[in-house]
Amino acid sequence: MKDTREFMAAEAVKMNGAAVGIPTRNLQFKHPDEVPRYFAYNGSVVGTTLKAVFSAIFPPGERYFVESVRHFRDQVKDPVLKAKITGFIGQEAMHGREHEELNEWFEKRGFDMAFPEAQIKFSLWLCERFSPSQQLAITTLAEHFTAHLAEEWLTHEEFRGSTHAEMLKLWTWHGIEELEHKEVAYDLLQQVSENEHLERILAVPIIVTCMVPGILTSWAYLIAREGKLFDVQRNLSDLWALFKPGGFLTNVLVQMPQFLMKDFHPNQRDTRALVERYRQEYFSEKGTVAEEFKNRKAVAG
């Protein structure tokens, strides 16, 4: 038994995120001037401003997720989970950095990103009033939402076919990695919480009351700033595209109730084949983001 413990301890030192399928990829995206102002859903203001709100959420949101996980990292004895946590933190840090760059692109195009950023920071401040394990439960719900959002980024034909190719690169990379680490926060919560199911249930009203109002207000604000809030016919058409049966957001929202089931686990939805297909397409030597992928050889090694 002692030899086994010593072996596992030694292996834990060696392991990193890449060893467990969650590598920290250093991608640096360009946002060229030729990308149109409204780059999503064939020039949709509603669709593009939704992307702007999501992008505003990610830098402070990713930091919140990282801190909620980091709080418990030293309690973890399992070397595999510890390596997954390392990979999770590395990937989320890169997502935050690249979305900060994208937010600067939005700002240069005249989008007021300060408003949604302030809204999400206040929302996260409210979430930080709860216990560390409840904050981790909030992260697991956010990761559940983001994992299904990522599936849509990778599979929704209307979204992929109507989004500018340069912008699609970033959202696809982000989607792949969200699916790679989708179970990490949940597995950690199961280890450290005394009542993880109750805390998962409580995470729902917390997010609905603390975060959703700021998100919706920010979305309406950005549409209004574009002078399109009262373009009722086009806005209703674009909202229908998002919320119709089989629509981009509908496909995400219908998956949310699964999170409340006592025996829920993120990996019950098997996305491994989808992730592997896009890994090959995007991250290979001649892949879609070969130019942006700055540490491909290190990750491959």
Protein backbone atom coordinates (compact mmCIF):
# COMPACT_ATOMS: atom_id res chain seq x y z
CA MET A 1 0.00 0.00 0.00
CA LYS A 2 2.82 2.39 0.84
CA ASP A 3 4.48 1.72 -2.50
CA THR A 4 1.18 2.45 -4.28
CA ARG A 5 0.74 5.74 -2.45
CA GLU A 6 4.30 6.77 -3.23
CA PHE A 7 3.84 5.84 -6.88
CA MET A 8 0.61 7.82 -7.17
CA ALA A 9 2.16 10.81 -5.43
CA ALA A 10 5.06 10.76 -7.87
CA GLU A 11 2.71 10.47 -10.84
CA ALA A 12 0.63 13.37 -9.58
CA VAL A 13 3.71 15.60 -9.77
CA LYS A 14 4.21 14.58 -13.41
CA MET A 15 0.61 14.97 -14.50
CA ASN A 16 -0.77 18.11 -16.03
CA GLY A 17 -3.93 18.96 -17.89
CA ALA A 18 -2.65 17.60 -21.20
CA ALA A 19 -2.08 14.19 -19.62
CA VAL A 20 -5.78 13.90 -18.86
CA GLY A 21 -7.11 15.41 -22.09
CA ILE A 22 -7.44 19.01 -20.91
CA PRO A 23 -4.39 20.80 -22.36
CA THR A 24 -3.74 24.50 -21.98
CA ARG A 25 -3.57 25.65 -25.59
CA ASN A 26 -2.14 29.09 -26.24
CA LEU A 27 -4.20 30.47 -29.11
CA GLN A 28 -3.96 34.09 -30.15
CA PHE A 29 -6.76 35.18 -32.44
CA LYS A 30 -6.80 38.06 -34.86
CA HIS A 31 -9.91 40.13 -35.44
CA PRO A 32 -9.25 41.74 -38.82
CA ASP A 33 -10.90 44.94 -39.96
CA GLU A 34 -12.79 43.14 -42.70
CA VAL A 35 -14.93 41.32 -40.14
CA PRO A 36 -18.32 43.06 -40.42
CA ARG A 37 -19.79 44.89 -37.45
CA TYR A 38 -22.69 42.44 -37.28
CA PHE A 39 -20.88 39.17 -37.86
CA ALA A 40 -23.43 36.67 -36.52
CA TYR A 41 -26.60 35.28 -38.08
CA ASN A 42 -26.14 37.01 -41.42
CA GLY A 43 -25.83 40.53 -40.08
CA SER A 44 -28.21 40.18 -37.15
CA VAL A 45 -27.96 42.91 -34.52
CA VAL A 46 -29.73 40.65 -32.01
CA GLY A 47 -27.36 37.75 -32.67
CA THR A 48 -24.21 39.87 -32.65
CA THR A 49 -25.09 41.74 -29.46
CA LEU A 50 -25.83 38.40 -27.78
CA LYS A 51 -22.28 37.36 -28.69
CA ALA A 52 -21.04 40.65 -27.24
CA VAL A 53 -22.86 39.96 -23.96
CA PHE A 54 -21.43 36.44 -23.79
CA SER A 55 -17.96 37.78 -24.48
CA ALA A 56 -18.36 40.43 -21.76
CA ILE A 57 -19.36 37.70 -19.30
CA PHE A 58 -16.40 35.42 -19.93
CA PRO A 59 -13.36 37.30 -18.53
CA PRO A 60 -14.84 37.99 -15.05
CA GLY A 61 -16.93 34.82 -15.23
CA GLU A 62 -13.94 32.61 -15.98
CA ARG A 63 -12.06 34.20 -13.08
CA TYR A 64 -14.98 33.40 -10.78
CA PHE A 65 -15.03 29.77 -12.00
CA VAL A 66 -11.28 29.43 -11.52
CA GLU A 67 -11.34 30.84 -8.00
CA SER A 68 -14.27 28.66 -6.96
CA VAL A 69 -12.31 25.58 -8.07
CA ARG A 70 -8.92 26.76 -6.85
CA HIS A 71 -10.34 27.22 -3.33
CA PHE A 72 -10.60 23.42 -2.95
CA ARG A 73 -7.64 22.25 -5.03
CA ASP A 74 -5.37 21.53 -2.07
CA GLN A 75 -8.01 19.20 -0.59
CA VAL A 76 -7.90 16.91 -3.61
CA LYS A 77 -5.87 13.71 -3.23
CA ASP A 78 -6.78 12.02 -6.52
CA PRO A 79 -3.93 12.81 -8.96
CA VAL A 80 -6.20 12.53 -12.00
CA LEU A 81 -8.74 15.03 -10.68
CA LYS A 82 -5.91 17.29 -9.57
CA ALA A 83 -4.48 17.22 -13.10
CA LYS A 84 -7.94 17.94 -14.52
CA ILE A 85 -8.22 20.95 -12.23
CA THR A 86 -4.87 22.20 -13.52
CA GLY A 87 -6.12 21.82 -17.09
CA PHE A 88 -9.43 23.49 -16.23
CA ILE A 89 -7.69 26.51 -14.73
CA GLY A 90 -5.30 26.80 -17.68
CA GLN A 91 -8.05 26.60 -20.30
CA GLU A 92 -10.34 29.04 -18.50
CA ALA A 93 -7.48 31.53 -18.14
CA MET A 94 -6.87 31.41 -21.90
CA HIS A 95 -10.58 31.85 -22.60
CA GLY A 96 -10.67 34.93 -20.40
CA ARG A 97 -7.63 36.42 -22.12
CA GLU A 98 -8.95 35.92 -25.65
CA HIS A 99 -12.38 37.26 -24.80
CA GLU A 100 -10.74 40.36 -23.35
CA GLU A 101 -9.13 40.81 -26.76
CA LEU A 102 -12.49 40.29 -28.46
CA ASN A 103 -14.09 42.80 -26.10
CA GLU A 104 -11.50 45.36 -27.18
CA TRP A 105 -12.50 44.66 -30.80
CA PHE A 106 -16.13 45.32 -29.86
CA GLU A 107 -15.13 48.54 -28.12
CA LYS A 108 -13.23 49.75 -31.19
CA ARG A 109 -16.36 49.13 -33.24
CA GLY A 110 -18.34 51.37 -30.88
CA PHE A 111 -20.02 48.79 -28.64
CA ASP A 112 -20.25 49.96 -25.03
CA MET A 113 -18.80 46.87 -23.35
CA ALA A 114 -18.37 48.65 -20.02
CA PHE A 115 -22.08 48.33 -19.26
CA PRO A 116 -22.39 44.52 -19.58
CA GLU A 117 -19.02 44.08 -17.85
CA ALA A 118 -20.25 46.13 -14.90
CA GLN A 119 -23.50 44.15 -14.79
CA ILE A 120 -21.75 40.78 -14.71
CA LYS A 121 -19.20 41.92 -12.12
CA PHE A 122 -22.03 43.01 -9.83
CA SER A 123 -23.82 39.71 -10.44
CA LEU A 124 -20.69 37.76 -9.55
CA TRP A 125 -20.17 39.92 -6.46
CA LEU A 126 -23.61 38.80 -5.30
CA CYS A 127 -22.68 35.16 -5.95
CA GLU A 128 -19.52 35.62 -3.88
CA ARG A 129 -21.69 36.29 -0.80
CA PHE A 130 -22.38 32.54 -0.59
CA SER A 131 -20.25 29.79 0.94
CA PRO A 132 -17.29 28.40 -1.06
CA SER A 133 -19.07 25.12 -1.77
CA GLN A 134 -22.22 26.96 -2.90
CA GLN A 135 -20.09 29.09 -5.19
CA LEU A 136 -18.63 25.90 -6.63
CA ALA A 137 -22.17 24.63 -7.20
CA ILE A 138 -22.94 27.86 -9.05
CA THR A 139 -19.89 27.15 -11.22
CA THR A 140 -21.15 23.64 -11.99
CA LEU A 141 -24.47 25.05 -13.21
CA ALA A 142 -22.69 27.67 -15.31
CA GLU A 143 -20.45 24.93 -16.75
CA HIS A 144 -23.53 22.82 -17.54
CA PHE A 145 -25.03 25.75 -19.45
CA THR A 146 -21.75 26.53 -21.20
CA ALA A 147 -21.21 22.89 -22.21
CA HIS A 148 -24.53 22.82 -24.03
CA LEU A 149 -23.81 26.26 -25.46
CA ALA A 150 -20.53 24.81 -26.73
CA GLU A 151 -22.35 21.96 -28.42
CA GLU A 152 -24.42 24.50 -30.29
CA TRP A 153 -21.31 26.42 -31.31
CA LEU A 154 -19.97 23.18 -32.80
CA THR A 155 -23.08 21.64 -34.32
CA HIS A 156 -25.78 24.22 -35.01
CA GLU A 157 -25.70 24.57 -38.78
CA GLU A 158 -27.56 27.89 -38.88
CA PHE A 159 -25.14 29.45 -36.40
CA ARG A 160 -22.01 28.06 -38.06
CA GLY A 161 -23.15 28.84 -41.58
CA SER A 162 -24.10 32.44 -40.82
CA THR A 163 -21.16 33.53 -38.62
CA HIS A 164 -18.07 35.14 -40.12
CA ALA A 165 -15.29 32.57 -40.52
CA GLU A 166 -12.69 34.51 -38.50
CA MET A 167 -15.05 34.89 -35.55
CA LEU A 168 -16.14 31.26 -35.82
CA LYS A 169 -12.56 30.16 -35.08
CA LEU A 170 -12.61 31.64 -31.59
CA TRP A 171 -16.06 30.33 -30.67
CA THR A 172 -15.21 26.86 -31.98
CA TRP A 173 -11.95 26.67 -30.00
CA HIS A 174 -13.77 27.84 -26.89
CA GLY A 175 -16.50 25.26 -27.47
CA ILE A 176 -14.08 22.37 -27.87
CA GLU A 177 -12.36 23.18 -24.60
CA GLU A 178 -15.60 23.72 -22.68
CA LEU A 179 -16.54 20.15 -23.59
CA GLU A 180 -13.08 18.86 -22.68
CA HIS A 181 -13.37 20.10 -19.10
CA LYS A 182 -17.14 20.06 -18.58
CA GLU A 183 -17.09 17.55 -15.68
CA VAL A 184 -14.20 18.99 -13.63
CA ALA A 185 -16.07 21.41 -11.35
CA TYR A 186 -18.87 18.87 -10.88
CA ASP A 187 -16.51 16.06 -9.87
CA LEU A 188 -14.81 18.41 -7.42
CA LEU A 189 -18.16 19.46 -5.92
CA GLN A 190 -19.07 15.82 -5.33
CA GLN A 191 -15.87 15.37 -3.33
CA VAL A 192 -15.96 18.50 -1.18
CA SER A 193 -19.66 19.27 -0.57
CA GLU A 194 -21.60 17.76 2.30
CA ASN A 195 -24.84 18.11 0.33
CA GLU A 196 -23.95 18.64 -3.30
CA HIS A 197 -27.46 17.90 -4.61
CA LEU A 198 -29.05 20.57 -2.43
CA GLU A 199 -26.38 23.06 -3.38
CA ARG A 200 -26.92 22.29 -7.07
CA ILE A 201 -30.66 22.91 -6.63
CA LEU A 202 -30.00 26.21 -4.83
CA ALA A 203 -27.64 27.30 -7.61
CA VAL A 204 -30.60 27.63 -9.99
CA PRO A 205 -32.54 30.40 -8.16
CA ILE A 206 -29.25 32.11 -7.31
CA ILE A 207 -28.25 32.39 -10.96
CA VAL A 208 -31.78 33.28 -12.06
CA THR A 209 -32.01 36.14 -9.55
CA CYS A 210 -28.39 37.31 -9.44
CA MET A 211 -27.23 36.93 -13.03
CA VAL A 212 -30.07 36.58 -15.54
CA PRO A 213 -31.50 40.11 -15.04
CA GLY A 214 -28.09 41.68 -15.73
CA ILE A 215 -27.61 39.54 -18.83
CA LEU A 216 -31.00 40.44 -20.30
CA THR A 217 -30.60 44.12 -19.40
CA SER A 218 -27.18 44.19 -21.06
CA TRP A 219 -28.52 42.54 -24.20
CA ALA A 220 -31.37 45.07 -24.50
CA TYR A 221 -28.96 47.92 -23.74
CA LEU A 222 -26.57 46.97 -26.54
CA ILE A 223 -29.42 46.60 -29.03
CA ALA A 224 -30.70 50.05 -27.98
CA ARG A 225 -27.21 51.53 -28.34
CA GLU A 226 -27.21 50.28 -31.93
CA GLY A 227 -30.47 52.18 -32.49
CA LYS A 228 -32.31 48.93 -33.23
CA LEU A 229 -34.42 48.38 -30.12
CA PHE A 230 -37.60 49.42 -31.94
CA ASP A 231 -36.82 47.56 -35.16
CA VAL A 232 -39.57 45.23 -33.99
CA GLN A 233 -40.08 43.10 -37.08
CA ARG A 234 -36.39 42.25 -37.55
CA ASN A 235 -35.82 41.74 -33.82
CA LEU A 236 -38.76 39.37 -33.50
CA SER A 237 -37.54 37.45 -36.54
CA ASP A 238 -34.04 37.15 -35.05
CA LEU A 239 -35.38 36.17 -31.63
CA TRP A 240 -37.54 33.51 -33.27
CA ALA A 241 -34.41 32.09 -34.94
CA LEU A 242 -32.82 31.76 -31.49
CA PHE A 243 -35.83 30.50 -29.53
CA LYS A 244 -37.86 28.50 -32.07
CA PRO A 245 -38.01 24.69 -31.76
CA GLY A 246 -34.53 23.58 -32.71
CA GLY A 247 -33.25 27.15 -32.35
CA PHE A 248 -29.80 27.91 -30.98
CA LEU A 249 -30.85 28.95 -27.47
CA THR A 250 -33.83 26.60 -27.28
CA ASN A 251 -31.49 23.64 -27.72
CA VAL A 252 -29.49 24.85 -24.73
CA LEU A 253 -32.38 25.71 -22.42
CA VAL A 254 -34.18 22.37 -22.85
CA GLN A 255 -31.10 20.66 -21.39
CA MET A 256 -31.03 22.70 -18.19
CA PRO A 257 -33.52 20.63 -16.08
CA GLN A 258 -31.19 17.61 -16.21
CA PHE A 259 -28.93 19.47 -13.80
CA LEU A 260 -31.51 19.10 -11.02
CA MET A 261 -31.60 15.30 -11.14
CA LYS A 262 -29.98 13.64 -8.16
CA ASP A 263 -27.96 11.23 -10.32
CA PHE A 264 -26.97 13.85 -12.91
CA HIS A 265 -23.44 13.86 -14.29
CA PRO A 266 -22.10 15.99 -17.19
CA ASN A 267 -20.60 12.95 -18.91
CA GLN A 268 -23.99 11.29 -19.23
CA ARG A 269 -24.10 13.24 -22.49
CA ASP A 270 -21.26 11.72 -24.51
CA THR A 271 -19.53 14.39 -26.59
CA ARG A 272 -16.18 12.63 -27.01
CA ALA A 273 -16.60 11.90 -30.72
CA LEU A 274 -17.62 15.50 -31.41
CA VAL A 275 -14.61 16.84 -29.51
CA GLU A 276 -12.20 14.48 -31.24
CA ARG A 277 -13.49 15.43 -34.69
CA TYR A 278 -12.92 19.10 -34.04
CA ARG A 279 -9.56 18.49 -32.37
CA GLN A 280 -8.35 16.93 -35.61
CA GLU A 281 -9.92 19.62 -37.78
CA TYR A 282 -8.70 22.57 -35.72
CA PHE A 283 -5.53 21.65 -33.83
CA SER A 284 -3.54 19.47 -36.24
CA GLU A 285 -0.39 20.78 -37.91
CA LYS A 286 -2.43 22.07 -40.87
CA GLY A 287 -5.63 22.63 -38.92
CA THR A 288 -8.00 25.57 -39.06
CA VAL A 289 -6.21 27.46 -36.28
CA ALA A 290 -2.65 26.33 -37.05
CA GLU A 291 -1.51 29.95 -37.34
CA GLU A 292 -3.18 31.00 -34.09
CA PHE A 293 -2.01 27.92 -32.12
CA LYS A 294 1.26 29.12 -30.59
CA ASN A 295 2.19 26.11 -28.42
CA ARG A 296 0.96 23.22 -30.61
CA LYS A 297 4.27 21.32 -30.45
CA ALA A 298 4.45 21.63 -26.67
CA VAL A 299 0.88 20.39 -26.29
CA ALA A 300 1.48 17.54 -28.74
CA GLY A 301 4.63 16.58 -26.88
